[in-house]
Amino acid sequence: VQLQASGGGLVQAGGCLRLSCAASGSLFSFWDMNWYRQAPGKQRELVATSTRDGDARYADSVKGRFTISRSSAKNTIYLQMNNLKPEDTAVYLCYGRFGVNHNWGQGTKVTVSS
């Protein structure tokens, strides 16, 4: 599965964005999918996970503000980000895993101005 992320941009604090990560290839529904982010000078951080069983998990820093979802029909995962804060500024990357197979998509940059 190849991954292509999109949807980043510049937004004011309190605003919202929706990121998309489109997957090419088969068996997408069997993959656990994740959104990570990496801010300048910081370690990569796991933001949200959508498991193949339908569970969603979030980092404490984004709970209640971000929602991960997936569309098997479109082979796409989404990250709806509401009430964005300047500390959410980062490059967001999608990552998929199925057994020993895993892949990163390229990042999409999110900048939140105060």
N, C-alpha and C. Protein backbone atom coordinates (compact mmCIF):
# COMPACT_ATOMS: atom_id res chain seq x y z
N VAL A 1 0.84 -1.20 0.00
CA VAL A 1 0.00 0.00 0.00
C VAL A 1 0.87 1.24 0.00
N GLN A 2 0.66 2.10 -0.98
CA GLN A 2 1.35 3.38 -1.04
C GLN A 2 0.42 4.43 -0.45
N LEU A 3 0.99 5.40 0.26
CA LEU A 3 0.18 6.38 0.98
C LEU A 3 0.49 7.78 0.50
N GLN A 4 -0.55 8.59 0.33
CA GLN A 4 -0.41 9.96 -0.14
C GLN A 4 -1.25 10.86 0.76
N ALA A 5 -0.56 11.71 1.53
CA ALA A 5 -1.25 12.60 2.45
C ALA A 5 -1.48 13.97 1.81
N SER A 6 -2.55 14.63 2.24
CA SER A 6 -2.87 15.96 1.73
C SER A 6 -3.77 16.67 2.74
N GLY A 7 -3.97 17.96 2.51
CA GLY A 7 -4.92 18.70 3.32
C GLY A 7 -4.32 19.69 4.29
N GLY A 8 -3.00 19.73 4.40
CA GLY A 8 -2.39 20.68 5.30
C GLY A 8 -2.53 22.10 4.81
N GLY A 9 -2.13 23.04 5.66
CA GLY A 9 -2.20 24.44 5.29
C GLY A 9 -2.00 25.33 6.48
N LEU A 10 -2.29 26.60 6.27
CA LEU A 10 -2.16 27.62 7.31
C LEU A 10 -3.55 27.97 7.83
N VAL A 11 -3.70 27.95 9.14
CA VAL A 11 -5.00 28.24 9.75
C VAL A 11 -4.76 29.00 11.04
N GLN A 12 -5.73 29.81 11.41
CA GLN A 12 -5.64 30.54 12.67
C GLN A 12 -6.02 29.65 13.84
N ALA A 13 -5.52 29.98 14.99
CA ALA A 13 -5.88 29.23 16.19
C ALA A 13 -7.40 29.22 16.35
N GLY A 14 -7.91 28.07 16.73
CA GLY A 14 -9.35 27.88 16.83
C GLY A 14 -9.99 27.37 15.56
N GLY A 15 -9.25 27.37 14.49
CA GLY A 15 -9.77 26.90 13.21
C GLY A 15 -9.69 25.40 13.07
N CYS A 16 -10.01 24.92 11.88
CA CYS A 16 -10.03 23.48 11.65
C CYS A 16 -9.45 23.15 10.28
N LEU A 17 -8.99 21.93 10.16
CA LEU A 17 -8.50 21.37 8.91
C LEU A 17 -8.86 19.90 8.88
N ARG A 18 -8.98 19.36 7.69
CA ARG A 18 -9.14 17.92 7.54
C ARG A 18 -8.02 17.39 6.65
N LEU A 19 -7.25 16.48 7.21
CA LEU A 19 -6.19 15.83 6.47
C LEU A 19 -6.71 14.53 5.88
N SER A 20 -6.18 14.18 4.72
CA SER A 20 -6.53 12.93 4.06
C SER A 20 -5.27 12.15 3.77
N CYS A 21 -5.39 10.85 3.79
CA CYS A 21 -4.29 9.97 3.41
C CYS A 21 -4.88 8.87 2.53
N ALA A 22 -4.60 8.98 1.25
CA ALA A 22 -5.14 8.03 0.28
C ALA A 22 -4.17 6.88 0.09
N ALA A 23 -4.70 5.68 0.10
CA ALA A 23 -3.89 4.48 -0.04
C ALA A 23 -4.15 3.83 -1.38
N SER A 24 -3.09 3.46 -2.05
CA SER A 24 -3.22 2.69 -3.29
C SER A 24 -2.86 1.25 -2.99
N GLY A 25 -3.41 0.34 -3.73
CA GLY A 25 -3.14 -1.06 -3.47
C GLY A 25 -4.32 -1.74 -2.80
N SER A 26 -4.18 -3.01 -2.58
CA SER A 26 -5.31 -3.79 -2.07
C SER A 26 -5.16 -4.03 -0.56
N LEU A 27 -6.18 -4.59 -0.01
CA LEU A 27 -6.19 -5.01 1.40
C LEU A 27 -6.10 -3.85 2.37
N PHE A 28 -6.51 -2.66 1.94
CA PHE A 28 -6.43 -1.48 2.81
C PHE A 28 -7.19 -1.71 4.10
N SER A 29 -8.32 -2.39 4.03
CA SER A 29 -9.16 -2.56 5.22
C SER A 29 -8.48 -3.40 6.29
N PHE A 30 -7.41 -4.09 5.94
CA PHE A 30 -6.70 -4.92 6.90
C PHE A 30 -5.56 -4.17 7.59
N TRP A 31 -5.34 -2.94 7.16
CA TRP A 31 -4.22 -2.18 7.70
C TRP A 31 -4.66 -1.36 8.92
N ASP A 32 -3.80 -1.34 9.94
CA ASP A 32 -3.93 -0.36 11.01
C ASP A 32 -3.30 0.93 10.50
N MET A 33 -4.04 2.02 10.63
CA MET A 33 -3.57 3.28 10.07
C MET A 33 -3.36 4.31 11.18
N ASN A 34 -2.35 5.13 11.02
CA ASN A 34 -1.96 6.08 12.05
C ASN A 34 -1.64 7.44 11.44
N TRP A 35 -1.85 8.45 12.24
CA TRP A 35 -1.32 9.78 11.94
C TRP A 35 -0.26 10.11 12.99
N TYR A 36 0.89 10.52 12.50
CA TYR A 36 1.96 11.03 13.34
C TYR A 36 2.16 12.50 12.99
N ARG A 37 2.88 13.19 13.85
CA ARG A 37 3.29 14.54 13.53
C ARG A 37 4.70 14.79 14.07
N GLN A 38 5.37 15.69 13.40
CA GLN A 38 6.72 16.05 13.83
C GLN A 38 6.88 17.55 13.71
N ALA A 39 7.08 18.16 14.85
CA ALA A 39 7.32 19.60 14.90
C ALA A 39 8.82 19.85 14.84
N PRO A 40 9.23 21.03 14.40
CA PRO A 40 10.66 21.33 14.30
C PRO A 40 11.36 21.15 15.65
N GLY A 41 12.44 20.39 15.63
CA GLY A 41 13.22 20.19 16.84
C GLY A 41 12.63 19.23 17.84
N LYS A 42 11.53 18.57 17.46
CA LYS A 42 10.88 17.64 18.38
C LYS A 42 10.82 16.24 17.78
N GLN A 43 10.60 15.28 18.66
CA GLN A 43 10.48 13.90 18.19
C GLN A 43 9.12 13.68 17.52
N ARG A 44 9.10 12.70 16.65
CA ARG A 44 7.85 12.33 16.00
C ARG A 44 6.89 11.81 17.05
N GLU A 45 5.64 12.22 16.93
CA GLU A 45 4.63 11.92 17.95
C GLU A 45 3.44 11.21 17.30
N LEU A 46 2.99 10.13 17.91
CA LEU A 46 1.79 9.46 17.44
C LEU A 46 0.57 10.28 17.86
N VAL A 47 -0.25 10.64 16.91
CA VAL A 47 -1.40 11.49 17.17
C VAL A 47 -2.69 10.68 17.27
N ALA A 48 -2.91 9.79 16.32
CA ALA A 48 -4.16 9.04 16.30
C ALA A 48 -3.98 7.74 15.54
N THR A 49 -4.76 6.73 15.96
CA THR A 49 -4.71 5.41 15.34
C THR A 49 -6.12 4.95 15.00
N SER A 50 -6.25 4.37 13.83
CA SER A 50 -7.49 3.70 13.44
C SER A 50 -7.13 2.25 13.15
N THR A 51 -7.63 1.35 13.99
CA THR A 51 -7.29 -0.06 13.80
C THR A 51 -8.22 -0.69 12.77
N ARG A 52 -7.79 -1.82 12.25
CA ARG A 52 -8.62 -2.52 11.26
C ARG A 52 -9.90 -3.05 11.89
N ASP A 53 -9.92 -3.13 13.22
CA ASP A 53 -11.11 -3.59 13.94
C ASP A 53 -12.09 -2.45 14.22
N GLY A 54 -11.70 -1.23 13.84
CA GLY A 54 -12.62 -0.11 14.01
C GLY A 54 -12.38 0.73 15.25
N ASP A 55 -11.34 0.42 16.01
CA ASP A 55 -11.04 1.22 17.19
C ASP A 55 -10.29 2.48 16.80
N ALA A 56 -10.48 3.52 17.58
CA ALA A 56 -9.77 4.78 17.39
C ALA A 56 -9.10 5.16 18.71
N ARG A 57 -7.86 5.57 18.61
CA ARG A 57 -7.13 5.98 19.80
C ARG A 57 -6.42 7.30 19.51
N TYR A 58 -6.23 8.08 20.56
CA TYR A 58 -5.69 9.43 20.40
C TYR A 58 -4.65 9.74 21.46
N ALA A 59 -3.73 10.60 21.09
CA ALA A 59 -2.82 11.17 22.07
C ALA A 59 -3.63 12.08 22.99
N ASP A 60 -3.20 12.17 24.23
CA ASP A 60 -3.92 13.01 25.18
C ASP A 60 -4.00 14.46 24.70
N SER A 61 -2.98 14.90 24.00
CA SER A 61 -2.91 16.30 23.58
C SER A 61 -3.97 16.67 22.54
N VAL A 62 -4.58 15.67 21.90
CA VAL A 62 -5.55 15.97 20.85
C VAL A 62 -6.94 15.40 21.14
N LYS A 63 -7.08 14.67 22.23
CA LYS A 63 -8.39 14.09 22.56
C LYS A 63 -9.44 15.18 22.66
N GLY A 64 -10.58 14.89 22.06
CA GLY A 64 -11.68 15.84 22.08
C GLY A 64 -11.61 16.89 21.00
N ARG A 65 -10.48 16.97 20.30
CA ARG A 65 -10.33 17.96 19.23
C ARG A 65 -10.13 17.31 17.87
N PHE A 66 -9.46 16.18 17.83
CA PHE A 66 -9.16 15.49 16.58
C PHE A 66 -10.00 14.22 16.48
N THR A 67 -10.37 13.88 15.25
CA THR A 67 -11.10 12.65 14.99
C THR A 67 -10.49 11.95 13.79
N ILE A 68 -10.14 10.69 13.99
CA ILE A 68 -9.62 9.88 12.89
C ILE A 68 -10.76 9.03 12.35
N SER A 69 -10.82 8.89 11.04
CA SER A 69 -11.85 8.06 10.44
C SER A 69 -11.27 7.44 9.17
N ARG A 70 -11.98 6.45 8.65
CA ARG A 70 -11.48 5.79 7.45
C ARG A 70 -12.64 5.43 6.55
N SER A 71 -12.37 5.44 5.28
CA SER A 71 -13.34 5.03 4.28
C SER A 71 -12.73 3.89 3.48
N SER A 72 -13.26 2.69 3.68
CA SER A 72 -12.75 1.56 2.91
C SER A 72 -13.11 1.70 1.44
N ALA A 73 -14.26 2.32 1.18
CA ALA A 73 -14.69 2.49 -0.20
C ALA A 73 -13.71 3.39 -0.96
N LYS A 74 -13.15 4.38 -0.28
CA LYS A 74 -12.23 5.30 -0.92
C LYS A 74 -10.77 5.01 -0.60
N ASN A 75 -10.51 3.95 0.20
CA ASN A 75 -9.13 3.63 0.60
C ASN A 75 -8.44 4.86 1.18
N THR A 76 -9.12 5.53 2.08
CA THR A 76 -8.60 6.78 2.61
C THR A 76 -8.85 6.87 4.10
N ILE A 77 -7.88 7.42 4.82
CA ILE A 77 -8.11 7.79 6.20
C ILE A 77 -8.10 9.31 6.29
N TYR A 78 -8.79 9.80 7.29
CA TYR A 78 -8.92 11.23 7.49
C TYR A 78 -8.53 11.59 8.93
N LEU A 79 -8.12 12.82 9.09
CA LEU A 79 -7.91 13.35 10.43
C LEU A 79 -8.59 14.72 10.46
N GLN A 80 -9.74 14.75 11.10
CA GLN A 80 -10.45 16.01 11.29
C GLN A 80 -9.87 16.69 12.51
N MET A 81 -9.36 17.89 12.32
CA MET A 81 -8.70 18.62 13.40
C MET A 81 -9.49 19.89 13.68
N ASN A 82 -10.06 19.97 14.86
CA ASN A 82 -10.84 21.13 15.26
C ASN A 82 -10.15 21.87 16.40
N ASN A 83 -10.54 23.11 16.59
CA ASN A 83 -9.98 23.93 17.67
C ASN A 83 -8.45 23.84 17.68
N LEU A 84 -7.87 24.10 16.54
CA LEU A 84 -6.42 23.97 16.41
C LEU A 84 -5.70 25.00 17.26
N LYS A 85 -4.55 24.58 17.75
CA LYS A 85 -3.72 25.41 18.60
C LYS A 85 -2.35 25.59 17.95
N PRO A 86 -1.64 26.65 18.28
CA PRO A 86 -0.30 26.84 17.70
C PRO A 86 0.62 25.64 17.94
N GLU A 87 0.43 24.96 19.06
CA GLU A 87 1.28 23.79 19.34
C GLU A 87 0.96 22.59 18.47
N ASP A 88 -0.10 22.68 17.68
CA ASP A 88 -0.40 21.62 16.71
C ASP A 88 0.41 21.79 15.42
N THR A 89 1.13 22.88 15.32
CA THR A 89 1.94 23.12 14.13
C THR A 89 2.99 22.02 13.98
N ALA A 90 2.98 21.37 12.82
CA ALA A 90 3.89 20.25 12.58
C ALA A 90 3.68 19.75 11.16
N VAL A 91 4.57 18.87 10.77
CA VAL A 91 4.34 18.08 9.56
C VAL A 91 3.61 16.81 9.99
N TYR A 92 2.49 16.55 9.38
CA TYR A 92 1.68 15.38 9.71
C TYR A 92 1.91 14.29 8.68
N LEU A 93 2.13 13.08 9.18
CA LEU A 93 2.44 11.95 8.31
C LEU A 93 1.49 10.80 8.61
N CYS A 94 1.09 10.10 7.56
CA CYS A 94 0.30 8.89 7.79
C CYS A 94 1.22 7.67 7.70
N TYR A 95 0.85 6.68 8.44
CA TYR A 95 1.64 5.45 8.54
C TYR A 95 0.69 4.28 8.63
N GLY A 96 0.95 3.27 7.81
CA GLY A 96 0.11 2.09 7.82
C GLY A 96 0.90 0.84 8.12
N ARG A 97 0.23 -0.11 8.77
CA ARG A 97 0.90 -1.36 9.12
C ARG A 97 -0.07 -2.52 8.99
N PHE A 98 0.43 -3.61 8.38
CA PHE A 98 -0.34 -4.85 8.28
C PHE A 98 0.65 -5.99 8.39
N GLY A 99 0.69 -6.62 9.54
CA GLY A 99 1.66 -7.68 9.77
C GLY A 99 3.06 -7.12 9.69
N VAL A 100 3.88 -7.71 8.85
CA VAL A 100 5.25 -7.23 8.70
C VAL A 100 5.36 -6.12 7.65
N ASN A 101 4.26 -5.83 7.00
CA ASN A 101 4.26 -4.77 6.00
C ASN A 101 3.93 -3.43 6.65
N HIS A 102 4.66 -2.43 6.28
CA HIS A 102 4.37 -1.10 6.79
C HIS A 102 4.87 -0.06 5.81
N ASN A 103 4.29 1.12 5.88
CA ASN A 103 4.69 2.16 4.95
C ASN A 103 4.33 3.54 5.50
N TRP A 104 5.16 4.49 5.18
CA TRP A 104 4.92 5.90 5.51
C TRP A 104 4.48 6.64 4.26
N GLY A 105 3.57 7.57 4.46
CA GLY A 105 3.26 8.52 3.40
C GLY A 105 4.14 9.75 3.56
N GLN A 106 4.15 10.59 2.56
CA GLN A 106 4.90 11.84 2.71
C GLN A 106 4.11 12.77 3.62
N GLY A 107 4.74 13.74 4.18
CA GLY A 107 4.07 14.61 5.14
C GLY A 107 3.27 15.71 4.49
N THR A 108 2.35 16.25 5.26
CA THR A 108 1.63 17.44 4.87
C THR A 108 1.74 18.43 6.03
N LYS A 109 2.11 19.66 5.70
CA LYS A 109 2.45 20.63 6.73
C LYS A 109 1.21 21.38 7.22
N VAL A 110 1.12 21.46 8.54
CA VAL A 110 0.04 22.22 9.18
C VAL A 110 0.68 23.33 10.01
N THR A 111 0.25 24.55 9.76
CA THR A 111 0.74 25.68 10.52
C THR A 111 -0.44 26.41 11.14
N VAL A 112 -0.39 26.55 12.45
CA VAL A 112 -1.46 27.22 13.18
C VAL A 112 -0.92 28.53 13.75
N SER A 113 -1.48 29.63 13.32
CA SER A 113 -1.02 30.93 13.79
C SER A 113 -1.84 31.37 14.99
N SER A 114 -1.19 32.11 15.87
CA SER A 114 -1.86 32.58 17.09
C SER A 114 -2.53 33.92 16.87
